[in-house]
Amino acid sequence: MHLELREIQGTHEEIVIDKAKTAMKLMDYPVLVEDSSLEIKSYGGMPGPYIKEFIQQLKPEGVYKMAAAYEDRTAIARCTFCLNLDKYLKVHKFTGEVEGIPLL
């Protein structure tokens, strides 16, 4: 089942853990949620977990132009999954990330 969950303002980790807890309350059975982020180092880690809104507003070309404006175009793509088996237990978090430089 696909749920569109609200996103709190916070760090990537705080957002995905909140999603897992919220989904568990709504579904009342084990849930697995995912959240992705893109951190551009020259922008102080922004847009981070807010990449979806940046892409919706600026389109991928606009995000590309943001990175192109700086000499350091290093970015980190991060994907985190949270598994919530029981609303009374700890949320299990799994994160993978890739660091790279856009080819400009």
PDB file of N, CA and C in Angstrom:
ATOM      1  N   MET A   1       0.839  -1.171   0.000  1.00  0.00           N
ATOM      2  CA  MET A   1       0.000   0.000   0.000  1.00  0.00           C
ATOM      3  C   MET A   1       0.889   1.241   0.000  1.00  0.00           C
ATOM      4  N   HIS A   2       0.508   2.252  -0.751  1.00  0.00           N
ATOM      5  CA  HIS A   2       1.250   3.502  -0.831  1.00  0.00           C
ATOM      6  C   HIS A   2       0.532   4.574  -0.018  1.00  0.00           C
ATOM      7  N   LEU A   3       1.267   5.208   0.902  1.00  0.00           N
ATOM      8  CA  LEU A   3       0.722   6.324   1.678  1.00  0.00           C
ATOM      9  C   LEU A   3       1.555   7.566   1.390  1.00  0.00           C
ATOM     10  N   GLU A   4       0.930   8.700   1.213  1.00  0.00           N
ATOM     11  CA  GLU A   4       1.635   9.979   1.137  1.00  0.00           C
ATOM     12  C   GLU A   4       1.618  10.532   2.544  1.00  0.00           C
ATOM     13  N   LEU A   5       2.766  10.490   3.214  1.00  0.00           N
ATOM     14  CA  LEU A   5       2.848  10.933   4.603  1.00  0.00           C
ATOM     15  C   LEU A   5       3.385  12.351   4.682  1.00  0.00           C
ATOM     16  N   ARG A   6       2.900  13.094   5.651  1.00  0.00           N
ATOM     17  CA  ARG A   6       3.408  14.446   5.878  1.00  0.00           C
ATOM     18  C   ARG A   6       4.882  14.363   6.229  1.00  0.00           C
ATOM     19  N   GLU A   7       5.597  15.440   5.964  1.00  0.00           N
ATOM     20  CA  GLU A   7       7.000  15.483   6.349  1.00  0.00           C
ATOM     21  C   GLU A   7       7.198  16.618   7.331  1.00  0.00           C
ATOM     22  N   ILE A   8       7.711  16.278   8.502  1.00  0.00           N
ATOM     23  CA  ILE A   8       8.039  17.297   9.482  1.00  0.00           C
ATOM     24  C   ILE A   8       9.251  18.075   8.988  1.00  0.00           C
ATOM     25  N   GLN A   9       9.487  19.240   9.534  1.00  0.00           N
ATOM     26  CA  GLN A   9      10.708  19.979   9.263  1.00  0.00           C
ATOM     27  C   GLN A   9      11.779  19.417  10.181  1.00  0.00           C
ATOM     28  N   GLY A  10      12.874  18.966   9.614  1.00  0.00           N
ATOM     29  CA  GLY A  10      13.934  18.397  10.429  1.00  0.00           C
ATOM     30  C   GLY A  10      15.013  17.784   9.573  1.00  0.00           C
ATOM     31  N   THR A  11      15.869  17.012  10.210  1.00  0.00           N
ATOM     32  CA  THR A  11      16.935  16.329   9.490  1.00  0.00           C
ATOM     33  C   THR A  11      16.355  15.151   8.716  1.00  0.00           C
ATOM     34  N   HIS A  12      17.148  14.637   7.797  1.00  0.00           N
ATOM     35  CA  HIS A  12      16.731  13.470   7.021  1.00  0.00           C
ATOM     36  C   HIS A  12      16.324  12.329   7.958  1.00  0.00           C
ATOM     37  N   GLU A  13      17.130  12.067   8.973  1.00  0.00           N
ATOM     38  CA  GLU A  13      16.852  10.980   9.919  1.00  0.00           C
ATOM     39  C   GLU A  13      15.564  11.236  10.707  1.00  0.00           C
ATOM     40  N   GLU A  14      15.371  12.447  11.202  1.00  0.00           N
ATOM     41  CA  GLU A  14      14.153  12.762  11.961  1.00  0.00           C
ATOM     42  C   GLU A  14      12.910  12.590  11.099  1.00  0.00           C
ATOM     43  N   ILE A  15      12.998  12.989   9.845  1.00  0.00           N
ATOM     44  CA  ILE A  15      11.852  12.897   8.934  1.00  0.00           C
ATOM     45  C   ILE A  15      11.453  11.451   8.685  1.00  0.00           C
ATOM     46  N   VAL A  16      12.418  10.589   8.353  1.00  0.00           N
ATOM     47  CA  VAL A  16      12.083   9.211   8.010  1.00  0.00           C
ATOM     48  C   VAL A  16      11.608   8.425   9.241  1.00  0.00           C
ATOM     49  N   ILE A  17      12.176   8.696  10.406  1.00  0.00           N
ATOM     50  CA  ILE A  17      11.706   8.023  11.624  1.00  0.00           C
ATOM     51  C   ILE A  17      10.285   8.464  11.955  1.00  0.00           C
ATOM     52  N   ASP A  18       9.991   9.754  11.792  1.00  0.00           N
ATOM     53  CA  ASP A  18       8.630  10.238  12.026  1.00  0.00           C
ATOM     54  C   ASP A  18       7.648   9.594  11.053  1.00  0.00           C
ATOM     55  N   LYS A  19       8.055   9.439   9.788  1.00  0.00           N
ATOM     56  CA  LYS A  19       7.194   8.767   8.808  1.00  0.00           C
ATOM     57  C   LYS A  19       6.880   7.339   9.234  1.00  0.00           C
ATOM     58  N   ALA A  20       7.894   6.620   9.727  1.00  0.00           N
ATOM     59  CA  ALA A  20       7.690   5.229  10.143  1.00  0.00           C
ATOM     60  C   ALA A  20       6.722   5.147  11.326  1.00  0.00           C
ATOM     61  N   LYS A  21       6.875   6.040  12.269  1.00  0.00           N
ATOM     62  CA  LYS A  21       5.982   6.040  13.439  1.00  0.00           C
ATOM     63  C   LYS A  21       4.565   6.431  13.045  1.00  0.00           C
ATOM     64  N   THR A  22       4.429   7.427  12.154  1.00  0.00           N
ATOM     65  CA  THR A  22       3.112   7.866  11.695  1.00  0.00           C
ATOM     66  C   THR A  22       2.415   6.760  10.902  1.00  0.00           C
ATOM     67  N   ALA A  23       3.147   6.114  10.008  1.00  0.00           N
ATOM     68  CA  ALA A  23       2.569   5.021   9.209  1.00  0.00           C
ATOM     69  C   ALA A  23       2.093   3.889  10.101  1.00  0.00           C
ATOM     70  N   MET A  24       2.869   3.555  11.131  1.00  0.00           N
ATOM     71  CA  MET A  24       2.476   2.485  12.054  1.00  0.00           C
ATOM     72  C   MET A  24       1.162   2.838  12.754  1.00  0.00           C
ATOM     73  N   LYS A  25       1.019   4.092  13.166  1.00  0.00           N
ATOM     74  CA  LYS A  25      -0.219   4.520  13.832  1.00  0.00           C
ATOM     75  C   LYS A  25      -1.411   4.421  12.883  1.00  0.00           C
ATOM     76  N   LEU A  26      -1.200   4.769  11.607  1.00  0.00           N
ATOM     77  CA  LEU A  26      -2.284   4.731  10.624  1.00  0.00           C
ATOM     78  C   LEU A  26      -2.662   3.306  10.230  1.00  0.00           C
ATOM     79  N   MET A  27      -1.652   2.447  10.085  1.00  0.00           N
ATOM     80  CA  MET A  27      -1.875   1.105   9.561  1.00  0.00           C
ATOM     81  C   MET A  27      -2.090   0.068  10.663  1.00  0.00           C
ATOM     82  N   ASP A  28      -1.470   0.262  11.794  1.00  0.00           N
ATOM     83  CA  ASP A  28      -1.519  -0.650  12.935  1.00  0.00           C
ATOM     84  C   ASP A  28      -0.992  -2.055  12.598  1.00  0.00           C
ATOM     85  N   TYR A  29      -0.029  -2.120  11.684  1.00  0.00           N
ATOM     86  CA  TYR A  29       0.728  -3.340  11.428  1.00  0.00           C
ATOM     87  C   TYR A  29       2.104  -2.935  10.911  1.00  0.00           C
ATOM     88  N   PRO A  30       3.072  -3.845  10.853  1.00  0.00           N
ATOM     89  CA  PRO A  30       4.443  -3.482  10.474  1.00  0.00           C
ATOM     90  C   PRO A  30       4.507  -2.712   9.154  1.00  0.00           C
ATOM     91  N   VAL A  31       5.386  -1.708   9.145  1.00  0.00           N
ATOM     92  CA  VAL A  31       5.531  -0.859   7.964  1.00  0.00           C
ATOM     93  C   VAL A  31       7.002  -0.672   7.623  1.00  0.00           C
ATOM     94  N   LEU A  32       7.245  -0.440   6.340  1.00  0.00           N
ATOM     95  CA  LEU A  32       8.568  -0.093   5.828  1.00  0.00           C
ATOM     96  C   LEU A  32       8.393   1.195   5.039  1.00  0.00           C
ATOM     97  N   VAL A  33       9.106   2.251   5.453  1.00  0.00           N
ATOM     98  CA  VAL A  33       9.011   3.529   4.751  1.00  0.00           C
ATOM     99  C   VAL A  33      10.387   3.911   4.215  1.00  0.00           C
ATOM    100  N   GLU A  34      10.382   4.772   3.192  1.00  0.00           N
ATOM    101  CA  GLU A  34      11.622   5.188   2.531  1.00  0.00           C
ATOM    102  C   GLU A  34      11.621   6.705   2.404  1.00  0.00           C
ATOM    103  N   ASP A  35      12.811   7.279   2.498  1.00  0.00           N
ATOM    104  CA  ASP A  35      12.974   8.698   2.240  1.00  0.00           C
ATOM    105  C   ASP A  35      14.332   8.907   1.594  1.00  0.00           C
ATOM    106  N   SER A  36      14.381   9.792   0.617  1.00  0.00           N
ATOM    107  CA  SER A  36      15.623  10.078  -0.107  1.00  0.00           C
ATOM    108  C   SER A  36      15.992  11.540   0.061  1.00  0.00           C
ATOM    109  N   SER A  37      17.291  11.818  -0.025  1.00  0.00           N
ATOM    110  CA  SER A  37      17.749  13.206   0.054  1.00  0.00           C
ATOM    111  C   SER A  37      18.911  13.415  -0.904  1.00  0.00           C
ATOM    112  N   LEU A  38      19.140  14.672  -1.249  1.00  0.00           N
ATOM    113  CA  LEU A  38      20.291  15.053  -2.062  1.00  0.00           C
ATOM    114  C   LEU A  38      20.904  16.275  -1.406  1.00  0.00           C
ATOM    115  N   GLU A  39      22.140  16.111  -0.928  1.00  0.00           N
ATOM    116  CA  GLU A  39      22.821  17.195  -0.224  1.00  0.00           C
ATOM    117  C   GLU A  39      23.935  17.752  -1.102  1.00  0.00           C
ATOM    118  N   ILE A  40      23.804  19.005  -1.500  1.00  0.00           N
ATOM    119  CA  ILE A  40      24.831  19.680  -2.287  1.00  0.00           C
ATOM    120  C   ILE A  40      25.730  20.406  -1.289  1.00  0.00           C
ATOM    121  N   LYS A  41      27.003  20.001  -1.235  1.00  0.00           N
ATOM    122  CA  LYS A  41      27.900  20.522  -0.204  1.00  0.00           C
ATOM    123  C   LYS A  41      28.036  22.037  -0.235  1.00  0.00           C
ATOM    124  N   SER A  42      28.151  22.637  -1.415  1.00  0.00           N
ATOM    125  CA  SER A  42      28.322  24.089  -1.492  1.00  0.00           C
ATOM    126  C   SER A  42      27.077  24.842  -1.021  1.00  0.00           C
ATOM    127  N   TYR A  43      25.960  24.166  -0.894  1.00  0.00           N
ATOM    128  CA  TYR A  43      24.724  24.762  -0.376  1.00  0.00           C
ATOM    129  C   TYR A  43      24.491  24.372   1.084  1.00  0.00           C
ATOM    130  N   GLY A  44      25.552  23.964   1.758  1.00  0.00           N
ATOM    131  CA  GLY A  44      25.437  23.621   3.176  1.00  0.00           C
ATOM    132  C   GLY A  44      24.573  22.400   3.427  1.00  0.00           C
ATOM    133  N   GLY A  45      24.518  21.499   2.455  1.00  0.00           N
ATOM    134  CA  GLY A  45      23.720  20.287   2.611  1.00  0.00           C
ATOM    135  C   GLY A  45      22.307  20.388   2.072  1.00  0.00           C
ATOM    136  N   MET A  46      21.909  21.560   1.619  1.00  0.00           N
ATOM    137  CA  MET A  46      20.574  21.717   1.045  1.00  0.00           C
ATOM    138  C   MET A  46      20.585  21.155  -0.370  1.00  0.00           C
ATOM    139  N   PRO A  47      19.516  20.743  -0.929  1.00  0.00           N
ATOM    140  CA  PRO A  47      18.185  20.729  -0.360  1.00  0.00           C
ATOM    141  C   PRO A  47      17.939  19.572   0.610  1.00  0.00           C
ATOM    142  N   GLY A  48      18.858  18.604   0.679  1.00  0.00           N
ATOM    143  CA  GLY A  48      18.709  17.518   1.654  1.00  0.00           C
ATOM    144  C   GLY A  48      17.410  16.765   1.468  1.00  0.00           C
ATOM    145  N   PRO A  49      16.653  16.571   2.565  1.00  0.00           N
ATOM    146  CA  PRO A  49      15.408  15.813   2.476  1.00  0.00           C
ATOM    147  C   PRO A  49      14.293  16.558   1.748  1.00  0.00           C
ATOM    148  N   TYR A  50      14.534  17.813   1.390  1.00  0.00           N
ATOM    149  CA  TYR A  50      13.523  18.614   0.699  1.00  0.00           C
ATOM    150  C   TYR A  50      13.718  18.595  -0.813  1.00  0.00           C
ATOM    151  N   ILE A  51      14.486  17.638  -1.320  1.00  0.00           N
ATOM    152  CA  ILE A  51      14.789  17.558  -2.748  1.00  0.00           C
ATOM    153  C   ILE A  51      13.516  17.441  -3.598  1.00  0.00           C
ATOM    154  N   LYS A  52      12.517  16.745  -3.094  1.00  0.00           N
ATOM    155  CA  LYS A  52      11.271  16.577  -3.854  1.00  0.00           C
ATOM    156  C   LYS A  52      10.651  17.938  -4.179  1.00  0.00           C
ATOM    157  N   GLU A  53      10.601  18.833  -3.189  1.00  0.00           N
ATOM    158  CA  GLU A  53      10.025  20.155  -3.406  1.00  0.00           C
ATOM    159  C   GLU A  53      10.888  20.984  -4.354  1.00  0.00           C
ATOM    160  N   PHE A  54      12.221  20.865  -4.219  1.00  0.00           N
ATOM    161  CA  PHE A  54      13.117  21.594  -5.115  1.00  0.00           C
ATOM    162  C   PHE A  54      12.902  21.154  -6.564  1.00  0.00           C
ATOM    163  N   ILE A  55      12.787  19.849  -6.786  1.00  0.00           N
ATOM    164  CA  ILE A  55      12.579  19.347  -8.146  1.00  0.00           C
ATOM    165  C   ILE A  55      11.210  19.770  -8.684  1.00  0.00           C
ATOM    166  N   GLN A  56      10.186  19.749  -7.823  1.00  0.00           N
ATOM    167  CA  GLN A  56       8.859  20.181  -8.264  1.00  0.00           C
ATOM    168  C   GLN A  56       8.855  21.649  -8.676  1.00  0.00           C
ATOM    169  N   GLN A  57       9.564  22.491  -7.920  1.00  0.00           N
ATOM    170  CA  GLN A  57       9.570  23.927  -8.191  1.00  0.00           C
ATOM    171  C   GLN A  57      10.567  24.326  -9.282  1.00  0.00           C
ATOM    172  N   LEU A  58      11.779  23.751  -9.233  1.00  0.00           N
ATOM    173  CA  LEU A  58      12.862  24.169 -10.128  1.00  0.00           C
ATOM    174  C   LEU A  58      13.077  23.249 -11.318  1.00  0.00           C
ATOM    175  N   LYS A  59      12.466  22.056 -11.255  1.00  0.00           N
ATOM    176  CA  LYS A  59      12.711  21.002 -12.243  1.00  0.00           C
ATOM    177  C   LYS A  59      14.158  20.513 -12.085  1.00  0.00           C
ATOM    178  N   PRO A  60      14.487  19.337 -12.599  1.00  0.00           N
ATOM    179  CA  PRO A  60      15.866  18.845 -12.464  1.00  0.00           C
ATOM    180  C   PRO A  60      16.901  19.822 -13.026  1.00  0.00           C
ATOM    181  N   GLU A  61      16.532  20.541 -14.098  1.00  0.00           N
ATOM    182  CA  GLU A  61      17.462  21.491 -14.696  1.00  0.00           C
ATOM    183  C   GLU A  61      17.841  22.604 -13.718  1.00  0.00           C
ATOM    184  N   GLY A  62      16.891  23.031 -12.909  1.00  0.00           N
ATOM    185  CA  GLY A  62      17.150  24.086 -11.937  1.00  0.00           C
ATOM    186  C   GLY A  62      18.084  23.624 -10.827  1.00  0.00           C
ATOM    187  N   VAL A  63      17.909  22.384 -10.372  1.00  0.00           N
ATOM    188  CA  VAL A  63      18.805  21.834  -9.355  1.00  0.00           C
ATOM    189  C   VAL A  63      20.206  21.701  -9.936  1.00  0.00           C
ATOM    190  N   TYR A  64      20.288  21.285 -11.183  1.00  0.00           N
ATOM    191  CA  TYR A  64      21.568  21.190 -11.892  1.00  0.00           C
ATOM    192  C   TYR A  64      22.248  22.556 -11.952  1.00  0.00           C
ATOM    193  N   LYS A  65      21.492  23.595 -12.278  1.00  0.00           N
ATOM    194  CA  LYS A  65      22.048  24.947 -12.364  1.00  0.00           C
ATOM    195  C   LYS A  65      22.527  25.442 -10.999  1.00  0.00           C
ATOM    196  N   MET A  66      21.822  25.040  -9.923  1.00  0.00           N
ATOM    197  CA  MET A  66      22.267  25.405  -8.579  1.00  0.00           C
ATOM    198  C   MET A  66      23.667  24.875  -8.318  1.00  0.00           C
ATOM    199  N   ALA A  67      23.884  23.606  -8.628  1.00  0.00           N
ATOM    200  CA  ALA A  67      25.194  22.988  -8.395  1.00  0.00           C
ATOM    201  C   ALA A  67      26.248  23.604  -9.300  1.00  0.00           C
ATOM    202  N   ALA A  68      25.871  23.957 -10.529  1.00  0.00           N
ATOM    203  CA  ALA A  68      26.824  24.500 -11.502  1.00  0.00           C
ATOM    204  C   ALA A  68      27.332  25.880 -11.109  1.00  0.00           C
ATOM    205  N   ALA A  69      26.632  26.558 -10.210  1.00  0.00           N
ATOM    206  CA  ALA A  69      27.021  27.909  -9.814  1.00  0.00           C
ATOM    207  C   ALA A  69      28.267  27.939  -8.924  1.00  0.00           C
ATOM    208  N   TYR A  70      28.692  26.793  -8.432  1.00  0.00           N
ATOM    209  CA  TYR A  70      29.824  26.721  -7.509  1.00  0.00           C
ATOM    210  C   TYR A  70      30.913  25.819  -8.042  1.00  0.00           C
ATOM    211  N   GLU A  71      32.142  26.106  -7.620  1.00  0.00           N
ATOM    212  CA  GLU A  71      33.269  25.262  -8.021  1.00  0.00           C
ATOM    213  C   GLU A  71      33.148  23.868  -7.395  1.00  0.00           C
ATOM    214  N   ASP A  72      32.781  23.823  -6.102  1.00  0.00           N
ATOM    215  CA  ASP A  72      32.593  22.531  -5.423  1.00  0.00           C
ATOM    216  C   ASP A  72      31.173  22.061  -5.703  1.00  0.00           C
ATOM    217  N   ARG A  73      31.038  21.112  -6.601  1.00  0.00           N
ATOM    218  CA  ARG A  73      29.717  20.602  -6.987  1.00  0.00           C
ATOM    219  C   ARG A  73      29.443  19.230  -6.378  1.00  0.00           C
ATOM    220  N   THR A  74      30.209  18.901  -5.340  1.00  0.00           N
ATOM    221  CA  THR A  74      30.048  17.603  -4.693  1.00  0.00           C
ATOM    222  C   THR A  74      28.660  17.485  -4.072  1.00  0.00           C
ATOM    223  N   ALA A  75      28.071  16.317  -4.231  1.00  0.00           N
ATOM    224  CA  ALA A  75      26.748  16.064  -3.662  1.00  0.00           C
ATOM    225  C   ALA A  75      26.704  14.658  -3.073  1.00  0.00           C
ATOM    226  N   ILE A  76      25.823  14.470  -2.118  1.00  0.00           N
ATOM    227  CA  ILE A  76      25.608  13.154  -1.522  1.00  0.00           C
ATOM    228  C   ILE A  76      24.140  12.798  -1.710  1.00  0.00           C
ATOM    229  N   ALA A  77      23.898  11.665  -2.356  1.00  0.00           N
ATOM    230  CA  ALA A  77      22.544  11.126  -2.475  1.00  0.00           C
ATOM    231  C   ALA A  77      22.390  10.090  -1.369  1.00  0.00           C
ATOM    232  N   ARG A  78      21.335  10.218  -0.587  1.00  0.00           N
ATOM    233  CA  ARG A  78      21.130   9.328   0.553  1.00  0.00           C
ATOM    234  C   ARG A  78      19.715   8.757   0.503  1.00  0.00           C
ATOM    235  N   CYS A  79      19.601   7.471   0.776  1.00  0.00           N
ATOM    236  CA  CYS A  79      18.302   6.799   0.838  1.00  0.00           C
ATOM    237  C   CYS A  79      18.232   6.046   2.164  1.00  0.00           C
ATOM    238  N   THR A  80      17.163   6.261   2.894  1.00  0.00           N
ATOM    239  CA  THR A  80      16.991   5.604   4.190  1.00  0.00           C
ATOM    240  C   THR A  80      15.655   4.877   4.225  1.00  0.00           C
ATOM    241  N   PHE A  81      15.702   3.649   4.694  1.00  0.00           N
ATOM    242  CA  PHE A  81      14.508   2.853   4.930  1.00  0.00           C
ATOM    243  C   PHE A  81      14.351   2.688   6.432  1.00  0.00           C
ATOM    244  N   CYS A  82      13.133   2.797   6.928  1.00  0.00           N
ATOM    245  CA  CYS A  82      12.844   2.547   8.338  1.00  0.00           C
ATOM    246  C   CYS A  82      11.789   1.457   8.425  1.00  0.00           C
ATOM    247  N   LEU A  83      12.096   0.472   9.249  1.00  0.00           N
ATOM    248  CA  LEU A  83      11.196  -0.651   9.488  1.00  0.00           C
ATOM    249  C   LEU A  83      10.627  -0.498  10.891  1.00  0.00           C
ATOM    250  N   ASN A  84       9.314  -0.464  10.979  1.00  0.00           N
ATOM    251  CA  ASN A  84       8.644  -0.351  12.267  1.00  0.00           C
ATOM    252  C   ASN A  84       7.771  -1.594  12.430  1.00  0.00           C
ATOM    253  N   LEU A  85       8.204  -2.494  13.295  1.00  0.00           N
ATOM    254  CA  LEU A  85       7.495  -3.763  13.482  1.00  0.00           C
ATOM    255  C   LEU A  85       6.389  -3.687  14.526  1.00  0.00           C
ATOM    256  N   ASP A  86       6.540  -2.782  15.474  1.00  0.00           N
ATOM    257  CA  ASP A  86       5.586  -2.683  16.568  1.00  0.00           C
ATOM    258  C   ASP A  86       5.657  -1.272  17.114  1.00  0.00           C
ATOM    259  N   LYS A  87       4.510  -0.649  17.341  1.00  0.00           N
ATOM    260  CA  LYS A  87       4.515   0.753  17.763  1.00  0.00           C
ATOM    261  C   LYS A  87       5.202   0.979  19.104  1.00  0.00           C
ATOM    262  N   TYR A  88       5.480  -0.080  19.848  1.00  0.00           N
ATOM    263  CA  TYR A  88       6.142   0.070  21.141  1.00  0.00           C
ATOM    264  C   TYR A  88       7.642  -0.215  21.071  1.00  0.00           C
ATOM    265  N   LEU A  89       8.115  -0.677  19.923  1.00  0.00           N
ATOM    266  CA  LEU A  89       9.527  -1.017  19.774  1.00  0.00           C
ATOM    267  C   LEU A  89      10.274   0.063  19.004  1.00  0.00           C
ATOM    268  N   LYS A  90      11.582  -0.023  19.070  1.00  0.00           N
ATOM    269  CA  LYS A  90      12.456   0.900  18.350  1.00  0.00           C
ATOM    270  C   LYS A  90      12.288   0.733  16.840  1.00  0.00           C
ATOM    271  N   VAL A  91      12.373   1.845  16.118  1.00  0.00           N
ATOM    272  CA  VAL A  91      12.340   1.835  14.660  1.00  0.00           C
ATOM    273  C   VAL A  91      13.728   1.425  14.166  1.00  0.00           C
ATOM    274  N   HIS A  92      13.792   0.480  13.221  1.00  0.00           N
ATOM    275  CA  HIS A  92      15.063   0.027  12.650  1.00  0.00           C
ATOM    276  C   HIS A  92      15.346   0.840  11.394  1.00  0.00           C
ATOM    277  N   LYS A  93      16.542   1.446  11.338  1.00  0.00           N
ATOM    278  CA  LYS A  93      16.887   2.363  10.258  1.00  0.00           C
ATOM    279  C   LYS A  93      18.042   1.789   9.445  1.00  0.00           C
ATOM    280  N   PHE A  94      17.911   1.856   8.104  1.00  0.00           N
ATOM    281  CA  PHE A  94      18.941   1.378   7.178  1.00  0.00           C
ATOM    282  C   PHE A  94      19.209   2.494   6.172  1.00  0.00           C
ATOM    283  N   THR A  95      20.473   2.918   6.066  1.00  0.00           N
ATOM    284  CA  THR A  95      20.821   4.040   5.200  1.00  0.00           C
ATOM    285  C   THR A  95      21.936   3.664   4.235  1.00  0.00           C
ATOM    286  N   GLY A  96      21.787   4.102   2.995  1.00  0.00           N
ATOM    287  CA  GLY A  96      22.839   3.968   1.998  1.00  0.00           C
ATOM    288  C   GLY A  96      23.079   5.323   1.369  1.00  0.00           C
ATOM    289  N   GLU A  97      24.335   5.600   1.025  1.00  0.00           N
ATOM    290  CA  GLU A  97      24.615   6.887   0.397  1.00  0.00           C
ATOM    291  C   GLU A  97      25.712   6.759  -0.637  1.00  0.00           C
ATOM    292  N   VAL A  98      25.675   7.685  -1.595  1.00  0.00           N
ATOM    293  CA  VAL A  98      26.652   7.738  -2.670  1.00  0.00           C
ATOM    294  C   VAL A  98      27.099   9.184  -2.800  1.00  0.00           C
ATOM    295  N   GLU A  99      28.418   9.407  -2.834  1.00  0.00           N
ATOM    296  CA  GLU A  99      28.943  10.748  -3.027  1.00  0.00           C
ATOM    297  C   GLU A  99      29.432  10.873  -4.458  1.00  0.00           C
ATOM    298  N   GLY A 100      29.160  12.011  -5.054  1.00  0.00           N
ATOM    299  CA  GLY A 100      29.590  12.193  -6.435  1.00  0.00           C
ATOM    300  C   GLY A 100      29.666  13.646  -6.829  1.00  0.00           C
ATOM    301  N   ILE A 101      30.131  13.873  -8.034  1.00  0.00           N
ATOM    302  CA  ILE A 101      30.234  15.216  -8.594  1.00  0.00           C
ATOM    303  C   ILE A 101      29.492  15.198  -9.931  1.00  0.00           C
ATOM    304  N   PRO A 102      28.536  16.131 -10.117  1.00  0.00           N
ATOM    305  CA  PRO A 102      27.824  16.167 -11.398  1.00  0.00           C
ATOM    306  C   PRO A 102      28.781  16.480 -12.547  1.00  0.00           C
ATOM    307  N   LEU A 103      28.571  15.850 -13.639  1.00  0.00           N
ATOM    308  CA  LEU A 103      29.389  16.123 -14.834  1.00  0.00           C
ATOM    309  C   LEU A 103      28.861  17.374 -15.496  1.00  0.00           C
ATOM    310  N   LEU A 104      29.598  18.461 -15.381  1.00  0.00           N
ATOM    311  CA  LEU A 104      29.148  19.731 -15.941  1.00  0.00           C
ATOM    312  C   LEU A 104      30.037  20.132 -17.092  1.00  0.00           C
TER     313      LEU A 104
END
